Amino acid sequence: MSHPPFGGEEARSPYERARAVVLPVPYEGTVSYGHGTALGPAAILRASTQVELYDEQLGIEPYRAGIFTDPMLDVRERSTEDVVASVKRRTGELLDDGKWTVMLGGEHSITPGAVAAAAERYPGLQVLQLDAHADLRQSYEGSPLSHACAMARCVEIAPVHAVGIRNYSIEEAEWIRRGIPGYTIVHGWEMEDEKWIERVLGGLERRPVYLTFDLDYFDPSIVPATGTPEPGGGTWWPTLRFLERLFAVAAPVVAADVVELAPIPGLHHPDFTAARLVHKLIGLATR
């Protein structure tokens, strides 16, 4: 199925002129509860055509920096290992061309490929994870590359700073309690006020950051369309204040992903919220 460029035809940019590239990866191979993440990238792209091109907070039209939408990555009849390798290869190509890259998932299992590409090009890379789940299982349902293992694979590559976490297994809890080298966590229940913002930003030490944004980080009242929604999640404005500080003063964000949208037929607001978030990230990265 064809899909529009991010932001619609008016926002379409030639690759050579684009500062930002949107990389859609419609992979769904290890989901364990609700299904539909393969449809997430197309839903975000369709919803993006309804997002105003002007960002009222930033005071800019992000598309004027140039946004190129890559073709959907071909994930048909491919193993998770192959897809992760393809993500790493394509992300590396985009970074080598000087493009700020935001990947649209698809399930969270794709993130380690992009993190590996960024880590090879940015020494000292830090991973910032906004998520409901720790995703620290060593293996899940027989696969070490499951979406439930995404951060276990990432922390093998670079330090991980997890924010919004509010559900994980006893095995993950024991690993966290023992201490994971390079790993910090802010639980969802620690975000009642905004003191967490300084805590997280202070840990990034002005090093390059890869931002991975699992949409179930948000409370289900904001984004119900995820495979594993969790109550008590992040809300819109505090999160945007955090992202503003992150991009403005804390660290260079070199690439990002927005994953785990599982569209619900007839319910448009989660798709639009995801598209608005991606638009905001592009604006913050290219202003």
Protein backbone atom coordinates (compact mmCIF):
# COMPACT_ATOMS: atom_id res chain seq x y z
CA MET A 1 0.00 0.00 0.00
CA SER A 2 1.34 3.45 -0.92
CA HIS A 3 1.84 6.00 1.84
CA PRO A 4 2.31 9.78 1.82
CA PRO A 5 5.59 11.46 2.73
CA PHE A 6 5.80 12.70 6.28
CA GLY A 7 3.85 15.95 6.49
CA GLY A 8 2.20 15.46 3.10
CA GLU A 9 3.22 16.59 -0.36
CA GLU A 10 3.92 20.17 0.70
CA ALA A 11 6.54 18.91 3.15
CA ARG A 12 8.23 16.53 0.68
CA SER A 13 11.92 17.25 0.18
CA PRO A 14 14.53 15.79 -2.17
CA TYR A 15 16.99 13.57 -0.33
CA GLU A 16 19.94 15.80 -1.17
CA ARG A 17 18.34 18.84 0.47
CA ALA A 18 16.85 17.10 3.50
CA ARG A 19 18.36 17.53 6.95
CA ALA A 20 15.98 14.93 8.42
CA VAL A 21 14.98 11.50 7.14
CA VAL A 22 11.98 9.48 8.31
CA LEU A 23 12.74 5.75 8.11
CA PRO A 24 9.60 3.54 8.27
CA VAL A 25 10.18 -0.05 9.44
CA PRO A 26 6.87 -1.98 9.53
CA TYR A 27 8.24 -5.01 11.36
CA GLU A 28 6.09 -7.17 13.61
CA GLY A 29 7.62 -10.53 14.41
CA THR A 30 7.79 -11.04 18.19
CA VAL A 31 4.68 -9.31 19.58
CA SER A 32 3.28 -11.03 22.65
CA TYR A 33 -0.13 -9.46 23.35
CA GLY A 34 -1.90 -6.97 21.09
CA HIS A 35 -1.02 -7.04 17.41
CA GLY A 36 -0.83 -4.37 14.72
CA THR A 37 2.58 -2.70 15.01
CA ALA A 38 3.33 -3.55 11.38
CA LEU A 39 0.66 -0.99 10.50
CA GLY A 40 2.16 1.70 12.74
CA PRO A 41 4.51 3.46 10.29
CA ALA A 42 1.87 3.87 7.59
CA ALA A 43 -0.64 5.15 10.16
CA ILE A 44 1.83 7.76 11.41
CA LEU A 45 2.60 8.90 7.88
CA ARG A 46 -1.08 9.22 7.02
CA ALA A 47 -1.81 11.15 10.23
CA SER A 48 1.18 13.43 9.61
CA THR A 49 -0.62 14.94 6.63
CA GLN A 50 -3.10 16.45 9.13
CA VAL A 51 -0.44 17.97 11.40
CA GLU A 52 0.00 21.70 10.86
CA LEU A 53 3.39 22.37 9.29
CA TYR A 54 3.95 25.27 11.70
CA ASP A 55 5.08 24.42 15.24
CA GLU A 56 3.48 26.98 17.53
CA GLN A 57 5.94 26.38 20.39
CA LEU A 58 9.15 26.41 18.37
CA GLY A 59 7.93 29.19 16.09
CA ILE A 60 9.17 27.43 12.96
CA GLU A 61 7.98 25.22 10.13
CA PRO A 62 10.23 22.16 10.58
CA TYR A 63 9.70 20.95 7.02
CA ARG A 64 11.69 23.93 5.70
CA ALA A 65 14.82 22.20 6.99
CA GLY A 66 14.00 19.42 4.54
CA ILE A 67 12.27 16.14 5.42
CA PHE A 68 12.76 13.08 3.24
CA THR A 69 10.64 9.98 3.80
CA ASP A 70 12.54 6.81 3.01
CA PRO A 71 10.73 3.91 1.36
CA MET A 72 9.30 1.33 3.76
CA LEU A 73 12.12 -1.00 4.74
CA ASP A 74 11.42 -4.41 3.23
CA VAL A 75 10.80 -6.76 6.16
CA ARG A 76 8.62 -9.35 4.41
CA GLU A 77 9.35 -12.97 5.35
CA ARG A 78 12.57 -12.02 7.12
CA SER A 79 13.87 -13.05 10.54
CA THR A 80 14.26 -10.54 13.35
CA GLU A 81 18.03 -10.91 13.05
CA ASP A 82 17.91 -10.00 9.36
CA VAL A 83 15.62 -7.03 9.98
CA VAL A 84 17.85 -5.68 12.77
CA ALA A 85 20.85 -6.00 10.45
CA SER A 86 19.00 -4.12 7.70
CA VAL A 87 18.04 -1.38 10.16
CA LYS A 88 21.67 -1.04 11.21
CA ARG A 89 22.86 -0.85 7.61
CA ARG A 90 20.28 1.72 6.47
CA THR A 91 20.60 3.87 9.59
CA GLY A 92 24.35 3.89 9.11
CA GLU A 93 23.98 5.04 5.52
CA LEU A 94 21.70 7.88 6.56
CA LEU A 95 23.98 9.00 9.38
CA ASP A 96 26.98 8.88 7.07
CA ASP A 97 25.10 11.22 4.73
CA GLY A 98 24.62 13.68 7.58
CA LYS A 99 20.88 13.06 7.98
CA TRP A 100 19.11 13.35 11.32
CA THR A 101 17.18 10.09 11.31
CA VAL A 102 13.93 9.17 13.03
CA MET A 103 12.78 5.58 12.58
CA LEU A 104 9.09 4.67 12.74
CA GLY A 105 8.20 1.24 14.11
CA GLY A 106 7.10 -1.43 14.06
CA GLU A 107 7.94 -3.22 17.24
CA HIS A 108 10.75 -2.35 19.65
CA SER A 109 12.98 -5.22 18.55
CA ILE A 110 14.27 -3.03 15.70
CA THR A 111 15.89 -0.45 17.99
CA PRO A 112 19.21 -2.25 18.70
CA GLY A 113 20.08 -2.11 14.99
CA ALA A 114 19.78 1.67 14.89
CA VAL A 115 21.59 2.04 18.23
CA ALA A 116 24.49 -0.08 16.93
CA ALA A 117 24.79 2.13 13.84
CA ALA A 118 24.78 5.30 15.93
CA ALA A 119 27.28 3.92 18.46
CA GLU A 120 29.78 3.14 15.69
CA ARG A 121 29.67 6.76 14.58
CA TYR A 122 29.30 8.64 17.87
CA PRO A 123 31.76 7.61 20.59
CA GLY A 124 30.28 7.83 24.07
CA LEU A 125 26.72 7.35 22.82
CA GLN A 126 23.98 7.17 25.47
CA VAL A 127 20.56 5.56 24.90
CA LEU A 128 17.55 7.38 26.35
CA GLN A 129 14.53 5.06 26.59
CA LEU A 130 11.02 6.41 27.20
CA ASP A 131 8.88 3.33 27.79
CA ALA A 132 6.44 1.55 30.08
CA HIS A 133 8.48 -1.66 30.13
CA ALA A 134 12.08 -2.33 31.02
CA ASP A 135 12.61 -4.65 28.01
CA LEU A 136 15.56 -6.20 29.85
CA ARG A 137 14.78 -9.88 29.41
CA GLN A 138 17.74 -11.90 28.17
CA SER A 139 15.36 -14.01 26.11
CA TYR A 140 11.60 -14.11 25.66
CA GLU A 141 9.58 -16.90 24.05
CA GLY A 142 12.83 -18.39 22.83
CA SER A 143 14.24 -15.25 21.21
CA PRO A 144 17.02 -12.99 22.54
CA LEU A 145 15.91 -10.44 19.91
CA SER A 146 12.30 -10.16 21.10
CA HIS A 147 10.78 -6.74 21.69
CA ALA A 148 10.95 -7.69 25.39
CA CYS A 149 14.75 -7.92 25.09
CA ALA A 150 15.39 -4.67 23.20
CA MET A 151 17.13 -2.82 26.04
CA ALA A 152 19.07 -5.88 27.15
CA ARG A 153 20.60 -5.83 23.68
CA CYS A 154 21.06 -2.04 23.71
CA VAL A 155 22.86 -1.96 27.07
CA GLU A 156 25.40 -4.32 25.53
CA ILE A 157 26.16 -1.52 23.07
CA ALA A 158 25.81 1.71 25.09
CA PRO A 159 24.60 2.98 28.49
CA VAL A 160 20.80 3.08 28.80
CA HIS A 161 18.78 5.66 30.73
CA ALA A 162 15.21 4.36 31.15
CA VAL A 163 12.31 6.72 31.93
CA GLY A 164 8.66 5.98 32.71
CA ILE A 165 9.14 2.28 33.48
CA ARG A 166 6.27 0.68 35.38
CA ASN A 167 6.17 -3.02 34.53
CA TYR A 168 8.85 -5.71 34.43
CA SER A 169 9.48 -9.29 35.46
CA ILE A 170 11.09 -10.61 38.65
CA GLU A 171 14.19 -11.56 36.65
CA GLU A 172 14.51 -8.03 35.34
CA ALA A 173 13.89 -6.63 38.83
CA GLU A 174 16.68 -8.75 40.30
CA TRP A 175 19.09 -7.64 37.57
CA ILE A 176 18.21 -3.98 38.19
CA ARG A 177 18.65 -4.42 41.97
CA ARG A 178 22.06 -6.06 41.51
CA GLY A 179 23.10 -3.13 39.36
CA ILE A 180 23.47 -3.13 35.60
CA PRO A 181 26.64 -1.39 34.43
CA GLY A 182 25.67 1.71 32.48
CA TYR A 183 21.96 1.48 33.36
CA THR A 184 19.76 3.97 35.22
CA ILE A 185 15.99 3.96 35.71
CA VAL A 186 13.24 6.44 36.58
CA HIS A 187 10.02 4.60 37.36
CA GLY A 188 6.63 5.89 36.32
CA TRP A 189 5.63 6.47 39.94
CA GLU A 190 8.65 8.75 40.40
CA MET A 191 7.23 11.22 37.88
CA GLU A 192 4.45 12.75 40.02
CA ASP A 193 6.37 16.04 39.91
CA GLU A 194 9.01 17.19 37.44
CA LYS A 195 12.13 16.64 39.57
CA TRP A 196 12.81 13.61 37.40
CA ILE A 197 13.67 15.88 34.49
CA GLU A 198 16.84 17.25 36.08
CA ARG A 199 17.74 13.79 37.34
CA VAL A 200 17.64 12.33 33.84
CA LEU A 201 19.31 15.24 32.08
CA GLY A 202 22.11 15.31 34.62
CA GLY A 203 22.97 11.71 33.85
CA LEU A 204 23.51 12.30 30.15
CA GLU A 205 26.68 14.35 30.68
CA ARG A 206 26.33 16.22 27.37
CA ARG A 207 27.20 13.10 25.41
CA PRO A 208 25.54 12.07 22.14
CA VAL A 209 22.11 10.53 22.68
CA TYR A 210 19.99 8.04 20.78
CA LEU A 211 16.35 8.54 21.80
CA THR A 212 14.05 5.52 21.65
CA PHE A 213 10.41 6.38 22.31
CA ASP A 214 8.04 3.46 22.86
CA LEU A 215 4.58 4.97 22.66
CA ASP A 216 3.36 2.91 25.61
CA TYR A 217 5.43 5.34 27.69
CA PHE A 218 2.34 7.54 27.49
CA ASP A 219 -0.65 6.86 29.68
CA PRO A 220 -3.26 4.84 27.73
CA SER A 221 -5.66 7.76 28.01
CA ILE A 222 -3.30 9.56 25.61
CA VAL A 223 -2.12 6.65 23.43
CA PRO A 224 -4.32 3.56 23.87
CA ALA A 225 -3.18 2.04 20.57
CA THR A 226 -0.24 -0.05 21.73
CA GLY A 227 0.18 -3.78 22.07
CA THR A 228 0.83 -3.63 25.82
CA PRO A 229 -0.75 -0.48 27.34
CA GLU A 230 0.12 0.25 30.96
CA PRO A 231 -1.78 2.60 33.32
CA GLY A 232 0.00 5.46 35.01
CA GLY A 233 2.10 6.66 32.10
CA GLY A 234 3.63 9.91 31.00
CA THR A 235 1.55 12.91 29.97
CA TRP A 236 1.96 15.27 27.03
CA TRP A 237 3.17 18.64 28.34
CA PRO A 238 5.71 17.45 30.94
CA THR A 239 7.14 15.15 28.30
CA LEU A 240 7.45 17.99 25.80
CA ARG A 241 9.12 20.17 28.44
CA PHE A 242 11.60 17.35 29.02
CA LEU A 243 12.28 16.95 25.29
CA GLU A 244 12.76 20.70 24.90
CA ARG A 245 15.39 20.69 27.65
CA LEU A 246 17.01 17.55 26.24
CA PHE A 247 17.48 18.96 22.75
CA ALA A 248 18.25 22.53 23.84
CA VAL A 249 20.79 22.16 26.61
CA ALA A 250 21.45 18.60 27.70
CA ALA A 251 22.91 16.64 24.84
CA PRO A 252 23.07 16.31 21.06
CA VAL A 253 20.34 13.88 20.05
CA VAL A 254 21.87 12.20 16.99
CA ALA A 255 18.94 9.95 16.01
CA ALA A 256 15.64 8.67 17.36
CA ASP A 257 12.85 6.19 16.92
CA VAL A 258 9.14 6.14 17.71
CA VAL A 259 7.86 2.58 17.98
CA GLU A 260 5.01 0.29 19.03
CA LEU A 261 1.99 2.10 17.61
CA ALA A 262 -0.68 -0.54 16.95
CA PRO A 263 -3.45 1.41 15.19
CA ILE A 264 -7.06 0.85 16.23
CA PRO A 265 -9.52 1.13 13.33
CA GLY A 266 -11.71 4.20 13.67
CA LEU A 267 -9.65 5.68 16.53
CA HIS A 268 -7.51 8.42 15.02
CA HIS A 269 -6.10 10.29 17.98
CA PRO A 270 -3.26 7.84 18.83
CA ASP A 271 -1.99 7.97 15.22
CA PHE A 272 -2.18 11.76 15.23
CA THR A 273 -0.45 11.99 18.62
CA ALA A 274 2.40 9.82 17.33
CA ALA A 275 2.70 11.98 14.20
CA ARG A 276 2.66 15.16 16.30
CA LEU A 277 5.44 13.72 18.45
CA VAL A 278 7.58 12.88 15.41
CA HIS A 279 6.98 16.36 13.99
CA LYS A 280 8.06 17.85 17.31
CA LEU A 281 11.24 15.74 17.37
CA ILE A 282 12.15 16.82 13.85
CA GLY A 283 11.58 20.45 14.78
CA LEU A 284 13.71 20.19 17.91
CA ALA A 285 16.49 18.43 16.01
CA THR A 286 16.66 20.77 13.02
CA ARG A 287 15.76 24.23 14.37
